[in-house]
Amino acid sequence: MTARDWADFWIHEGICSYAEALFLNDKFGIEAYHKYVKENLRRRIQNRQPIVPQRDATTSESYNGDIYAKAATMLHTLRYLIGDSLLLNVLKTFARIRLTPCTTASSHRISSILQIVKAGRI
């Protein structure tokens, strides 16, 4: 799975960065998870631009150091807003759904999946 355009680059990079925090949570406990989020994610956010700059963005418009840490921190925040099981269900659903042989990721798609899972339809 790849991003629909560079504006959606945050999805796979953020999920991969957040997976590191989830691994630490699973392997070493919640304290290790929170330490990683605080010391390795939040400190790296420079907040120079939104993680989704505009549709049909170029690599130079989209790529910045914030993509990884800001997107992962957004998922961390979402975890505490909707709960562990719901967020993990959203991520699993997002990874499993295949709409076409070459599925692309988009911000709209992950938002739609979140709404469907939250409504209990998946």
PDB file of N, CA and C in Angstrom:
ATOM      1  N   MET A   1       0.841  -1.172   0.000  1.00  0.00           N
ATOM      2  CA  MET A   1       0.000   0.000   0.000  1.00  0.00           C
ATOM      3  C   MET A   1       0.890   1.241   0.000  1.00  0.00           C
ATOM      4  N   THR A   2       0.508   2.182  -0.794  1.00  0.00           N
ATOM      5  CA  THR A   2       1.277   3.431  -0.859  1.00  0.00           C
ATOM      6  C   THR A   2       0.324   4.619  -0.829  1.00  0.00           C
ATOM      7  N   ALA A   3       0.865   5.778  -0.628  1.00  0.00           N
ATOM      8  CA  ALA A   3       0.052   6.993  -0.544  1.00  0.00           C
ATOM      9  C   ALA A   3      -0.534   7.355  -1.905  1.00  0.00           C
ATOM     10  N   ARG A   4      -1.761   7.884  -1.891  1.00  0.00           N
ATOM     11  CA  ARG A   4      -2.417   8.315  -3.128  1.00  0.00           C
ATOM     12  C   ARG A   4      -1.627   9.445  -3.766  1.00  0.00           C
ATOM     13  N   ASP A   5      -1.226  10.405  -2.963  1.00  0.00           N
ATOM     14  CA  ASP A   5      -0.310  11.440  -3.423  1.00  0.00           C
ATOM     15  C   ASP A   5       0.574  11.831  -2.236  1.00  0.00           C
ATOM     16  N   TRP A   6       1.517  12.709  -2.460  1.00  0.00           N
ATOM     17  CA  TRP A   6       2.476  13.046  -1.414  1.00  0.00           C
ATOM     18  C   TRP A   6       1.816  13.703  -0.211  1.00  0.00           C
ATOM     19  N   ALA A   7       0.637  14.269  -0.373  1.00  0.00           N
ATOM     20  CA  ALA A   7      -0.074  14.848   0.761  1.00  0.00           C
ATOM     21  C   ALA A   7      -0.464  13.777   1.780  1.00  0.00           C
ATOM     22  N   ASP A   8      -0.572  12.523   1.332  1.00  0.00           N
ATOM     23  CA  ASP A   8      -0.937  11.414   2.209  1.00  0.00           C
ATOM     24  C   ASP A   8       0.269  10.632   2.719  1.00  0.00           C
ATOM     25  N   PHE A   9       1.442  11.141   2.469  1.00  0.00           N
ATOM     26  CA  PHE A   9       2.685  10.494   2.890  1.00  0.00           C
ATOM     27  C   PHE A   9       2.727  10.276   4.400  1.00  0.00           C
ATOM     28  N   TRP A  10       2.058  11.140   5.152  1.00  0.00           N
ATOM     29  CA  TRP A  10       2.038  11.046   6.612  1.00  0.00           C
ATOM     30  C   TRP A  10       1.473   9.723   7.100  1.00  0.00           C
ATOM     31  N   ILE A  11       0.593   9.096   6.329  1.00  0.00           N
ATOM     32  CA  ILE A  11      -0.113   7.903   6.803  1.00  0.00           C
ATOM     33  C   ILE A  11       0.852   6.762   7.078  1.00  0.00           C
ATOM     34  N   HIS A  12       1.588   6.332   6.053  1.00  0.00           N
ATOM     35  CA  HIS A  12       2.459   5.178   6.312  1.00  0.00           C
ATOM     36  C   HIS A  12       3.640   5.541   7.191  1.00  0.00           C
ATOM     37  N   GLU A  13       4.143   6.770   7.072  1.00  0.00           N
ATOM     38  CA  GLU A  13       5.267   7.156   7.924  1.00  0.00           C
ATOM     39  C   GLU A  13       4.824   7.319   9.378  1.00  0.00           C
ATOM     40  N   GLY A  14       3.660   7.887   9.585  1.00  0.00           N
ATOM     41  CA  GLY A  14       3.145   8.049  10.944  1.00  0.00           C
ATOM     42  C   GLY A  14       2.784   6.725  11.598  1.00  0.00           C
ATOM     43  N   ILE A  15       2.166   5.837  10.824  1.00  0.00           N
ATOM     44  CA  ILE A  15       1.810   4.532  11.371  1.00  0.00           C
ATOM     45  C   ILE A  15       3.069   3.744  11.729  1.00  0.00           C
ATOM     46  N   CYS A  16       4.067   3.785  10.875  1.00  0.00           N
ATOM     47  CA  CYS A  16       5.330   3.083  11.180  1.00  0.00           C
ATOM     48  C   CYS A  16       5.994   3.662  12.423  1.00  0.00           C
ATOM     49  N   SER A  17       6.036   4.972  12.536  1.00  0.00           N
ATOM     50  CA  SER A  17       6.635   5.601  13.718  1.00  0.00           C
ATOM     51  C   SER A  17       5.836   5.272  14.973  1.00  0.00           C
ATOM     52  N   TYR A  18       4.516   5.257  14.861  1.00  0.00           N
ATOM     53  CA  TYR A  18       3.676   4.934  16.010  1.00  0.00           C
ATOM     54  C   TYR A  18       3.806   3.462  16.392  1.00  0.00           C
ATOM     55  N   ALA A  19       4.039   2.614  15.409  1.00  0.00           N
ATOM     56  CA  ALA A  19       4.220   1.184  15.691  1.00  0.00           C
ATOM     57  C   ALA A  19       5.416   0.956  16.614  1.00  0.00           C
ATOM     58  N   GLU A  20       6.430   1.796  16.506  1.00  0.00           N
ATOM     59  CA  GLU A  20       7.576   1.686  17.415  1.00  0.00           C
ATOM     60  C   GLU A  20       7.123   1.906  18.856  1.00  0.00           C
ATOM     61  N   ALA A  21       6.272   2.899  19.071  1.00  0.00           N
ATOM     62  CA  ALA A  21       5.758   3.167  20.416  1.00  0.00           C
ATOM     63  C   ALA A  21       4.892   2.014  20.909  1.00  0.00           C
ATOM     64  N   LEU A  22       4.062   1.461  20.019  1.00  0.00           N
ATOM     65  CA  LEU A  22       3.218   0.329  20.409  1.00  0.00           C
ATOM     66  C   LEU A  22       4.057  -0.900  20.758  1.00  0.00           C
ATOM     67  N   PHE A  23       5.138  -1.104  20.034  1.00  0.00           N
ATOM     68  CA  PHE A  23       6.046  -2.208  20.349  1.00  0.00           C
ATOM     69  C   PHE A  23       6.609  -2.047  21.763  1.00  0.00           C
ATOM     70  N   LEU A  24       7.073  -0.840  22.082  1.00  0.00           N
ATOM     71  CA  LEU A  24       7.617  -0.588  23.422  1.00  0.00           C
ATOM     72  C   LEU A  24       6.556  -0.809  24.494  1.00  0.00           C
ATOM     73  N   ASN A  25       5.337  -0.398  24.210  1.00  0.00           N
ATOM     74  CA  ASN A  25       4.236  -0.621  25.144  1.00  0.00           C
ATOM     75  C   ASN A  25       4.030  -2.110  25.392  1.00  0.00           C
ATOM     76  N   ASP A  26       4.020  -2.866  24.320  1.00  0.00           N
ATOM     77  CA  ASP A  26       3.794  -4.311  24.422  1.00  0.00           C
ATOM     78  C   ASP A  26       4.948  -5.030  25.108  1.00  0.00           C
ATOM     79  N   LYS A  27       6.160  -4.647  24.787  1.00  0.00           N
ATOM     80  CA  LYS A  27       7.351  -5.352  25.275  1.00  0.00           C
ATOM     81  C   LYS A  27       7.798  -4.899  26.660  1.00  0.00           C
ATOM     82  N   PHE A  28       7.701  -3.578  26.938  1.00  0.00           N
ATOM     83  CA  PHE A  28       8.279  -3.041  28.170  1.00  0.00           C
ATOM     84  C   PHE A  28       7.279  -2.306  29.063  1.00  0.00           C
ATOM     85  N   GLY A  29       6.049  -2.143  28.614  1.00  0.00           N
ATOM     86  CA  GLY A  29       5.026  -1.534  29.455  1.00  0.00           C
ATOM     87  C   GLY A  29       4.699  -0.098  29.099  1.00  0.00           C
ATOM     88  N   ILE A  30       3.668   0.389  29.759  1.00  0.00           N
ATOM     89  CA  ILE A  30       3.118   1.710  29.444  1.00  0.00           C
ATOM     90  C   ILE A  30       4.096   2.838  29.740  1.00  0.00           C
ATOM     91  N   GLU A  31       4.945   2.678  30.766  1.00  0.00           N
ATOM     92  CA  GLU A  31       5.915   3.735  31.081  1.00  0.00           C
ATOM     93  C   GLU A  31       6.904   3.919  29.934  1.00  0.00           C
ATOM     94  N   ALA A  32       7.370   2.804  29.362  1.00  0.00           N
ATOM     95  CA  ALA A  32       8.298   2.876  28.221  1.00  0.00           C
ATOM     96  C   ALA A  32       7.615   3.522  27.020  1.00  0.00           C
ATOM     97  N   TYR A  33       6.361   3.215  26.826  1.00  0.00           N
ATOM     98  CA  TYR A  33       5.569   3.811  25.746  1.00  0.00           C
ATOM     99  C   TYR A  33       5.507   5.333  25.906  1.00  0.00           C
ATOM    100  N   HIS A  34       5.102   5.779  27.103  1.00  0.00           N
ATOM    101  CA  HIS A  34       4.976   7.227  27.338  1.00  0.00           C
ATOM    102  C   HIS A  34       6.328   7.932  27.257  1.00  0.00           C
ATOM    103  N   LYS A  35       7.369   7.292  27.724  1.00  0.00           N
ATOM    104  CA  LYS A  35       8.705   7.881  27.632  1.00  0.00           C
ATOM    105  C   LYS A  35       9.099   8.068  26.165  1.00  0.00           C
ATOM    106  N   TYR A  36       8.823   7.063  25.327  1.00  0.00           N
ATOM    107  CA  TYR A  36       9.141   7.155  23.904  1.00  0.00           C
ATOM    108  C   TYR A  36       8.356   8.284  23.244  1.00  0.00           C
ATOM    109  N   VAL A  37       7.058   8.361  23.536  1.00  0.00           N
ATOM    110  CA  VAL A  37       6.234   9.417  22.940  1.00  0.00           C
ATOM    111  C   VAL A  37       6.767  10.790  23.344  1.00  0.00           C
ATOM    112  N   LYS A  38       7.088  10.947  24.622  1.00  0.00           N
ATOM    113  CA  LYS A  38       7.556  12.242  25.124  1.00  0.00           C
ATOM    114  C   LYS A  38       8.949  12.595  24.608  1.00  0.00           C
ATOM    115  N   GLU A  39       9.885  11.651  24.705  1.00  0.00           N
ATOM    116  CA  GLU A  39      11.282  11.956  24.394  1.00  0.00           C
ATOM    117  C   GLU A  39      11.671  11.764  22.933  1.00  0.00           C
ATOM    118  N   ASN A  40      10.960  10.907  22.227  1.00  0.00           N
ATOM    119  CA  ASN A  40      11.358  10.628  20.847  1.00  0.00           C
ATOM    120  C   ASN A  40      10.381  11.155  19.801  1.00  0.00           C
ATOM    121  N   LEU A  41       9.156  11.361  20.164  1.00  0.00           N
ATOM    122  CA  LEU A  41       8.196  11.878  19.184  1.00  0.00           C
ATOM    123  C   LEU A  41       7.943  13.368  19.391  1.00  0.00           C
ATOM    124  N   ARG A  42       7.441  13.722  20.548  1.00  0.00           N
ATOM    125  CA  ARG A  42       7.075  15.128  20.779  1.00  0.00           C
ATOM    126  C   ARG A  42       8.254  16.080  20.625  1.00  0.00           C
ATOM    127  N   ARG A  43       9.418  15.686  21.068  1.00  0.00           N
ATOM    128  CA  ARG A  43      10.589  16.566  20.968  1.00  0.00           C
ATOM    129  C   ARG A  43      11.034  16.813  19.530  1.00  0.00           C
ATOM    130  N   ARG A  44      10.678  15.895  18.632  1.00  0.00           N
ATOM    131  CA  ARG A  44      11.094  16.047  17.232  1.00  0.00           C
ATOM    132  C   ARG A  44      10.160  16.935  16.427  1.00  0.00           C
ATOM    133  N   ILE A  45       9.000  17.263  16.960  1.00  0.00           N
ATOM    134  CA  ILE A  45       8.037  18.080  16.217  1.00  0.00           C
ATOM    135  C   ILE A  45       8.506  19.532  16.195  1.00  0.00           C
ATOM    136  N   GLN A  46       8.713  20.034  14.977  1.00  0.00           N
ATOM    137  CA  GLN A  46       9.109  21.428  14.806  1.00  0.00           C
ATOM    138  C   GLN A  46       7.918  22.309  14.428  1.00  0.00           C
ATOM    139  N   ASN A  47       6.840  21.667  13.980  1.00  0.00           N
ATOM    140  CA  ASN A  47       5.575  22.348  13.685  1.00  0.00           C
ATOM    141  C   ASN A  47       5.712  23.479  12.677  1.00  0.00           C
ATOM    142  N   ARG A  48       6.423  23.202  11.595  1.00  0.00           N
ATOM    143  CA  ARG A  48       6.609  24.217  10.546  1.00  0.00           C
ATOM    144  C   ARG A  48       5.449  24.278   9.557  1.00  0.00           C
ATOM    145  N   GLN A  49       4.753  23.149   9.407  1.00  0.00           N
ATOM    146  CA  GLN A  49       3.634  23.109   8.461  1.00  0.00           C
ATOM    147  C   GLN A  49       2.717  21.950   8.826  1.00  0.00           C
ATOM    148  N   PRO A  50       1.487  21.944   8.298  1.00  0.00           N
ATOM    149  CA  PRO A  50       0.578  20.822   8.558  1.00  0.00           C
ATOM    150  C   PRO A  50       1.124  19.532   7.947  1.00  0.00           C
ATOM    151  N   ILE A  51       0.702  18.390   8.479  1.00  0.00           N
ATOM    152  CA  ILE A  51       1.176  17.131   7.894  1.00  0.00           C
ATOM    153  C   ILE A  51       0.521  16.858   6.546  1.00  0.00           C
ATOM    154  N   VAL A  52      -0.613  17.482   6.284  1.00  0.00           N
ATOM    155  CA  VAL A  52      -1.249  17.415   4.961  1.00  0.00           C
ATOM    156  C   VAL A  52      -1.258  18.837   4.409  1.00  0.00           C
ATOM    157  N   PRO A  53      -0.249  19.192   3.606  1.00  0.00           N
ATOM    158  CA  PRO A  53      -0.131  20.579   3.152  1.00  0.00           C
ATOM    159  C   PRO A  53      -1.229  20.986   2.177  1.00  0.00           C
ATOM    160  N   GLN A  54      -1.533  20.134   1.205  1.00  0.00           N
ATOM    161  CA  GLN A  54      -2.556  20.384   0.185  1.00  0.00           C
ATOM    162  C   GLN A  54      -2.680  19.119  -0.649  1.00  0.00           C
ATOM    163  N   ARG A  55      -3.754  18.983  -1.378  1.00  0.00           N
ATOM    164  CA  ARG A  55      -3.923  17.826  -2.265  1.00  0.00           C
ATOM    165  C   ARG A  55      -2.943  17.952  -3.429  1.00  0.00           C
ATOM    166  N   ASP A  56      -2.553  16.824  -3.966  1.00  0.00           N
ATOM    167  CA  ASP A  56      -1.629  16.759  -5.100  1.00  0.00           C
ATOM    168  C   ASP A  56      -0.328  17.514  -4.822  1.00  0.00           C
ATOM    169  N   ALA A  57       0.156  17.362  -3.618  1.00  0.00           N
ATOM    170  CA  ALA A  57       1.388  18.041  -3.219  1.00  0.00           C
ATOM    171  C   ALA A  57       2.605  17.351  -3.826  1.00  0.00           C
ATOM    172  N   THR A  58       3.660  18.097  -3.942  1.00  0.00           N
ATOM    173  CA  THR A  58       4.929  17.537  -4.412  1.00  0.00           C
ATOM    174  C   THR A  58       5.697  16.988  -3.208  1.00  0.00           C
ATOM    175  N   THR A  59       6.774  16.267  -3.486  1.00  0.00           N
ATOM    176  CA  THR A  59       7.579  15.737  -2.383  1.00  0.00           C
ATOM    177  C   THR A  59       8.147  16.864  -1.535  1.00  0.00           C
ATOM    178  N   SER A  60       8.605  17.926  -2.157  1.00  0.00           N
ATOM    179  CA  SER A  60       9.197  19.024  -1.382  1.00  0.00           C
ATOM    180  C   SER A  60       8.150  19.760  -0.545  1.00  0.00           C
ATOM    181  N   GLU A  61       6.897  19.787  -0.991  1.00  0.00           N
ATOM    182  CA  GLU A  61       5.835  20.411  -0.212  1.00  0.00           C
ATOM    183  C   GLU A  61       5.418  19.532   0.973  1.00  0.00           C
ATOM    184  N   SER A  62       5.543  18.230   0.812  1.00  0.00           N
ATOM    185  CA  SER A  62       5.056  17.296   1.826  1.00  0.00           C
ATOM    186  C   SER A  62       6.115  16.795   2.783  1.00  0.00           C
ATOM    187  N   TYR A  63       7.283  16.569   2.271  1.00  0.00           N
ATOM    188  CA  TYR A  63       8.291  15.930   3.107  1.00  0.00           C
ATOM    189  C   TYR A  63       8.967  16.941   4.023  1.00  0.00           C
ATOM    190  N   ASN A  64       8.869  16.653   5.298  1.00  0.00           N
ATOM    191  CA  ASN A  64       9.596  17.401   6.320  1.00  0.00           C
ATOM    192  C   ASN A  64       9.713  16.492   7.531  1.00  0.00           C
ATOM    193  N   GLY A  65      10.557  16.823   8.448  1.00  0.00           N
ATOM    194  CA  GLY A  65      10.782  15.967   9.603  1.00  0.00           C
ATOM    195  C   GLY A  65       9.553  15.769  10.469  1.00  0.00           C
ATOM    196  N   ASP A  66       8.608  16.689  10.387  1.00  0.00           N
ATOM    197  CA  ASP A  66       7.397  16.582  11.198  1.00  0.00           C
ATOM    198  C   ASP A  66       6.486  15.423  10.805  1.00  0.00           C
ATOM    199  N   ILE A  67       6.572  14.975   9.578  1.00  0.00           N
ATOM    200  CA  ILE A  67       5.657  13.935   9.116  1.00  0.00           C
ATOM    201  C   ILE A  67       5.677  12.734  10.050  1.00  0.00           C
ATOM    202  N   TYR A  68       6.829  12.275  10.412  1.00  0.00           N
ATOM    203  CA  TYR A  68       6.962  11.070  11.235  1.00  0.00           C
ATOM    204  C   TYR A  68       6.430  11.297  12.646  1.00  0.00           C
ATOM    205  N   ALA A  69       7.012  12.250  13.344  1.00  0.00           N
ATOM    206  CA  ALA A  69       6.682  12.460  14.754  1.00  0.00           C
ATOM    207  C   ALA A  69       5.288  13.062  14.948  1.00  0.00           C
ATOM    208  N   LYS A  70       4.913  14.007  14.097  1.00  0.00           N
ATOM    209  CA  LYS A  70       3.602  14.645  14.258  1.00  0.00           C
ATOM    210  C   LYS A  70       2.475  13.653  13.964  1.00  0.00           C
ATOM    211  N   ALA A  71       2.621  12.863  12.923  1.00  0.00           N
ATOM    212  CA  ALA A  71       1.591  11.877  12.592  1.00  0.00           C
ATOM    213  C   ALA A  71       1.503  10.797  13.673  1.00  0.00           C
ATOM    214  N   ALA A  72       2.643  10.351  14.186  1.00  0.00           N
ATOM    215  CA  ALA A  72       2.639   9.347  15.256  1.00  0.00           C
ATOM    216  C   ALA A  72       2.010   9.919  16.525  1.00  0.00           C
ATOM    217  N   THR A  73       2.300  11.170  16.824  1.00  0.00           N
ATOM    218  CA  THR A  73       1.718  11.810  18.004  1.00  0.00           C
ATOM    219  C   THR A  73       0.215  11.998  17.824  1.00  0.00           C
ATOM    220  N   MET A  74      -0.215  12.265  16.600  1.00  0.00           N
ATOM    221  CA  MET A  74      -1.642  12.359  16.326  1.00  0.00           C
ATOM    222  C   MET A  74      -2.321  11.014  16.613  1.00  0.00           C
ATOM    223  N   LEU A  75      -1.693   9.910  16.213  1.00  0.00           N
ATOM    224  CA  LEU A  75      -2.249   8.590  16.500  1.00  0.00           C
ATOM    225  C   LEU A  75      -2.253   8.310  18.002  1.00  0.00           C
ATOM    226  N   HIS A  76      -1.219   8.759  18.698  1.00  0.00           N
ATOM    227  CA  HIS A  76      -1.168   8.635  20.161  1.00  0.00           C
ATOM    228  C   HIS A  76      -2.354   9.372  20.784  1.00  0.00           C
ATOM    229  N   THR A  77      -2.624  10.577  20.325  1.00  0.00           N
ATOM    230  CA  THR A  77      -3.748  11.356  20.833  1.00  0.00           C
ATOM    231  C   THR A  77      -5.065  10.662  20.529  1.00  0.00           C
ATOM    232  N   LEU A  78      -5.184  10.155  19.312  1.00  0.00           N
ATOM    233  CA  LEU A  78      -6.394   9.444  18.911  1.00  0.00           C
ATOM    234  C   LEU A  78      -6.624   8.224  19.798  1.00  0.00           C
ATOM    235  N   ARG A  79      -5.553   7.544  20.177  1.00  0.00           N
ATOM    236  CA  ARG A  79      -5.657   6.383  21.066  1.00  0.00           C
ATOM    237  C   ARG A  79      -6.374   6.760  22.359  1.00  0.00           C
ATOM    238  N   TYR A  80      -6.034   7.911  22.901  1.00  0.00           N
ATOM    239  CA  TYR A  80      -6.641   8.325  24.168  1.00  0.00           C
ATOM    240  C   TYR A  80      -8.007   8.965  23.996  1.00  0.00           C
ATOM    241  N   LEU A  81      -8.328   9.392  22.795  1.00  0.00           N
ATOM    242  CA  LEU A  81      -9.663   9.928  22.543  1.00  0.00           C
ATOM    243  C   LEU A  81     -10.689   8.825  22.306  1.00  0.00           C
ATOM    244  N   ILE A  82     -10.288   7.796  21.562  1.00  0.00           N
ATOM    245  CA  ILE A  82     -11.258   6.746  21.195  1.00  0.00           C
ATOM    246  C   ILE A  82     -10.987   5.407  21.868  1.00  0.00           C
ATOM    247  N   GLY A  83      -9.826   5.240  22.482  1.00  0.00           N
ATOM    248  CA  GLY A  83      -9.511   3.993  23.178  1.00  0.00           C
ATOM    249  C   GLY A  83      -8.637   3.068  22.355  1.00  0.00           C
ATOM    250  N   ASP A  84      -7.927   2.204  23.077  1.00  0.00           N
ATOM    251  CA  ASP A  84      -6.992   1.267  22.454  1.00  0.00           C
ATOM    252  C   ASP A  84      -7.651   0.355  21.429  1.00  0.00           C
ATOM    253  N   SER A  85      -8.712  -0.317  21.843  1.00  0.00           N
ATOM    254  CA  SER A  85      -9.292  -1.330  20.965  1.00  0.00           C
ATOM    255  C   SER A  85      -9.861  -0.721  19.691  1.00  0.00           C
ATOM    256  N   LEU A  86     -10.474   0.445  19.807  1.00  0.00           N
ATOM    257  CA  LEU A  86     -11.031   1.088  18.620  1.00  0.00           C
ATOM    258  C   LEU A  86      -9.928   1.552  17.673  1.00  0.00           C
ATOM    259  N   LEU A  87      -8.863   2.142  18.205  1.00  0.00           N
ATOM    260  CA  LEU A  87      -7.759   2.577  17.341  1.00  0.00           C
ATOM    261  C   LEU A  87      -7.100   1.376  16.663  1.00  0.00           C
ATOM    262  N   LEU A  88      -6.855   0.310  17.407  1.00  0.00           N
ATOM    263  CA  LEU A  88      -6.237  -0.873  16.792  1.00  0.00           C
ATOM    264  C   LEU A  88      -7.150  -1.476  15.738  1.00  0.00           C
ATOM    265  N   ASN A  89      -8.460  -1.435  15.956  1.00  0.00           N
ATOM    266  CA  ASN A  89      -9.403  -1.918  14.950  1.00  0.00           C
ATOM    267  C   ASN A  89      -9.348  -1.052  13.698  1.00  0.00           C
ATOM    268  N   VAL A  90      -9.242   0.265  13.873  1.00  0.00           N
ATOM    269  CA  VAL A  90      -9.120   1.174  12.722  1.00  0.00           C
ATOM    270  C   VAL A  90      -7.855   0.852  11.930  1.00  0.00           C
ATOM    271  N   LEU A  91      -6.726   0.700  12.629  1.00  0.00           N
ATOM    272  CA  LEU A  91      -5.454   0.423  11.944  1.00  0.00           C
ATOM    273  C   LEU A  91      -5.478  -0.930  11.237  1.00  0.00           C
ATOM    274  N   LYS A  92      -6.042  -1.942  11.880  1.00  0.00           N
ATOM    275  CA  LYS A  92      -6.142  -3.265  11.248  1.00  0.00           C
ATOM    276  C   LYS A  92      -7.055  -3.211  10.024  1.00  0.00           C
ATOM    277  N   THR A  93      -8.191  -2.542  10.167  1.00  0.00           N
ATOM    278  CA  THR A  93      -9.120  -2.417   9.044  1.00  0.00           C
ATOM    279  C   THR A  93      -8.463  -1.670   7.896  1.00  0.00           C
ATOM    280  N   PHE A  94      -7.787  -0.594   8.215  1.00  0.00           N
ATOM    281  CA  PHE A  94      -7.097   0.197   7.196  1.00  0.00           C
ATOM    282  C   PHE A  94      -6.080  -0.655   6.440  1.00  0.00           C
ATOM    283  N   ALA A  95      -5.356  -1.502   7.146  1.00  0.00           N
ATOM    284  CA  ALA A  95      -4.333  -2.334   6.519  1.00  0.00           C
ATOM    285  C   ALA A  95      -4.932  -3.475   5.699  1.00  0.00           C
ATOM    286  N   ARG A  96      -6.105  -3.947   6.085  1.00  0.00           N
ATOM    287  CA  ARG A  96      -6.695  -5.138   5.444  1.00  0.00           C
ATOM    288  C   ARG A  96      -7.590  -4.835   4.248  1.00  0.00           C
ATOM    289  N   ILE A  97      -8.250  -3.706   4.242  1.00  0.00           N
ATOM    290  CA  ILE A  97      -9.208  -3.418   3.169  1.00  0.00           C
ATOM    291  C   ILE A  97      -8.468  -3.236   1.846  1.00  0.00           C
ATOM    292  N   ARG A  98      -8.906  -3.955   0.864  1.00  0.00           N
ATOM    293  CA  ARG A  98      -8.339  -3.845  -0.489  1.00  0.00           C
ATOM    294  C   ARG A  98      -9.474  -3.461  -1.433  1.00  0.00           C
ATOM    295  N   LEU A  99      -9.439  -2.229  -1.869  1.00  0.00           N
ATOM    296  CA  LEU A  99     -10.497  -1.767  -2.764  1.00  0.00           C
ATOM    297  C   LEU A  99     -10.185  -2.068  -4.222  1.00  0.00           C
ATOM    298  N   THR A 100      -8.927  -2.080  -4.563  1.00  0.00           N
ATOM    299  CA  THR A 100      -8.476  -2.381  -5.909  1.00  0.00           C
ATOM    300  C   THR A 100      -7.194  -3.202  -5.783  1.00  0.00           C
ATOM    301  N   PRO A 101      -6.733  -3.814  -6.867  1.00  0.00           N
ATOM    302  CA  PRO A 101      -5.481  -4.576  -6.767  1.00  0.00           C
ATOM    303  C   PRO A 101      -4.303  -3.733  -6.275  1.00  0.00           C
ATOM    304  N   CYS A 102      -4.311  -2.457  -6.554  1.00  0.00           N
ATOM    305  CA  CYS A 102      -3.227  -1.577  -6.115  1.00  0.00           C
ATOM    306  C   CYS A 102      -3.830  -0.469  -5.263  1.00  0.00           C
ATOM    307  N   THR A 103      -4.183  -0.809  -4.030  1.00  0.00           N
ATOM    308  CA  THR A 103      -4.837   0.137  -3.141  1.00  0.00           C
ATOM    309  C   THR A 103      -3.877   1.235  -2.714  1.00  0.00           C
ATOM    310  N   THR A 104      -4.381   2.450  -2.675  1.00  0.00           N
ATOM    311  CA  THR A 104      -3.570   3.565  -2.198  1.00  0.00           C
ATOM    312  C   THR A 104      -4.175   4.095  -0.913  1.00  0.00           C
ATOM    313  N   ALA A 105      -3.334   4.662  -0.092  1.00  0.00           N
ATOM    314  CA  ALA A 105      -3.769   5.244   1.166  1.00  0.00           C
ATOM    315  C   ALA A 105      -4.093   6.715   0.959  1.00  0.00           C
ATOM    316  N   SER A 106      -5.111   7.177   1.664  1.00  0.00           N
ATOM    317  CA  SER A 106      -5.435   8.598   1.613  1.00  0.00           C
ATOM    318  C   SER A 106      -5.962   9.029   2.976  1.00  0.00           C
ATOM    319  N   SER A 107      -5.849  10.303   3.247  1.00  0.00           N
ATOM    320  CA  SER A 107      -6.363  10.858   4.494  1.00  0.00           C
ATOM    321  C   SER A 107      -7.870  10.638   4.582  1.00  0.00           C
ATOM    322  N   HIS A 108      -8.551  10.807   3.461  1.00  0.00           N
ATOM    323  CA  HIS A 108     -10.002  10.603   3.419  1.00  0.00           C
ATOM    324  C   HIS A 108     -10.353   9.154   3.758  1.00  0.00           C
ATOM    325  N   ARG A 109      -9.592   8.221   3.230  1.00  0.00           N
ATOM    326  CA  ARG A 109      -9.872   6.806   3.467  1.00  0.00           C
ATOM    327  C   ARG A 109      -9.717   6.451   4.938  1.00  0.00           C
ATOM    328  N   ILE A 110      -8.648   6.885   5.568  1.00  0.00           N
ATOM    329  CA  ILE A 110      -8.456   6.553   6.983  1.00  0.00           C
ATOM    330  C   ILE A 110      -9.523   7.227   7.848  1.00  0.00           C
ATOM    331  N   SER A 111      -9.945   8.435   7.477  1.00  0.00           N
ATOM    332  CA  SER A 111     -11.021   9.116   8.198  1.00  0.00           C
ATOM    333  C   SER A 111     -12.333   8.354   8.049  1.00  0.00           C
ATOM    334  N   SER A 112     -12.624   7.871   6.856  1.00  0.00           N
ATOM    335  CA  SER A 112     -13.847   7.100   6.615  1.00  0.00           C
ATOM    336  C   SER A 112     -13.854   5.809   7.413  1.00  0.00           C
ATOM    337  N   ILE A 113     -12.724   5.124   7.446  1.00  0.00           N
ATOM    338  CA  ILE A 113     -12.619   3.883   8.213  1.00  0.00           C
ATOM    339  C   ILE A 113     -12.829   4.165   9.695  1.00  0.00           C
ATOM    340  N   LEU A 114     -12.254   5.243  10.190  1.00  0.00           N
ATOM    341  CA  LEU A 114     -12.438   5.616  11.592  1.00  0.00           C
ATOM    342  C   LEU A 114     -13.923   5.802  11.904  1.00  0.00           C
ATOM    343  N   GLN A 115     -14.644   6.491  11.032  1.00  0.00           N
ATOM    344  CA  GLN A 115     -16.066   6.725  11.259  1.00  0.00           C
ATOM    345  C   GLN A 115     -16.863   5.419  11.218  1.00  0.00           C
ATOM    346  N   ILE A 116     -16.524   4.522  10.291  1.00  0.00           N
ATOM    347  CA  ILE A 116     -17.227   3.252  10.167  1.00  0.00           C
ATOM    348  C   ILE A 116     -16.971   2.377  11.395  1.00  0.00           C
ATOM    349  N   VAL A 117     -15.720   2.278  11.813  1.00  0.00           N
ATOM    350  CA  VAL A 117     -15.374   1.451  12.974  1.00  0.00           C
ATOM    351  C   VAL A 117     -16.007   2.029  14.237  1.00  0.00           C
ATOM    352  N   LYS A 118     -15.931   3.346  14.382  1.00  0.00           N
ATOM    353  CA  LYS A 118     -16.506   4.004  15.562  1.00  0.00           C
ATOM    354  C   LYS A 118     -18.004   3.778  15.647  1.00  0.00           C
ATOM    355  N   ALA A 119     -18.680   3.730  14.512  1.00  0.00           N
ATOM    356  CA  ALA A 119     -20.122   3.505  14.478  1.00  0.00           C
ATOM    357  C   ALA A 119     -20.471   2.036  14.721  1.00  0.00           C
ATOM    358  N   GLY A 120     -19.452   1.181  14.793  1.00  0.00           N
ATOM    359  CA  GLY A 120     -19.684  -0.234  15.071  1.00  0.00           C
ATOM    360  C   GLY A 120     -20.086  -1.055  13.867  1.00  0.00           C
ATOM    361  N   ARG A 121     -19.860  -0.526  12.684  1.00  0.00           N
ATOM    362  CA  ARG A 121     -20.243  -1.263  11.479  1.00  0.00           C
ATOM    363  C   ARG A 121     -19.164  -2.237  11.018  1.00  0.00           C
ATOM    364  N   ILE A 122     -17.973  -2.199  11.648  1.00  0.00           N
ATOM    365  CA  ILE A 122     -16.912  -3.167  11.358  1.00  0.00           C
ATOM    366  C   ILE A 122     -16.466  -3.736  12.670  1.00  0.00           C
TER     367      ILE A 122
END
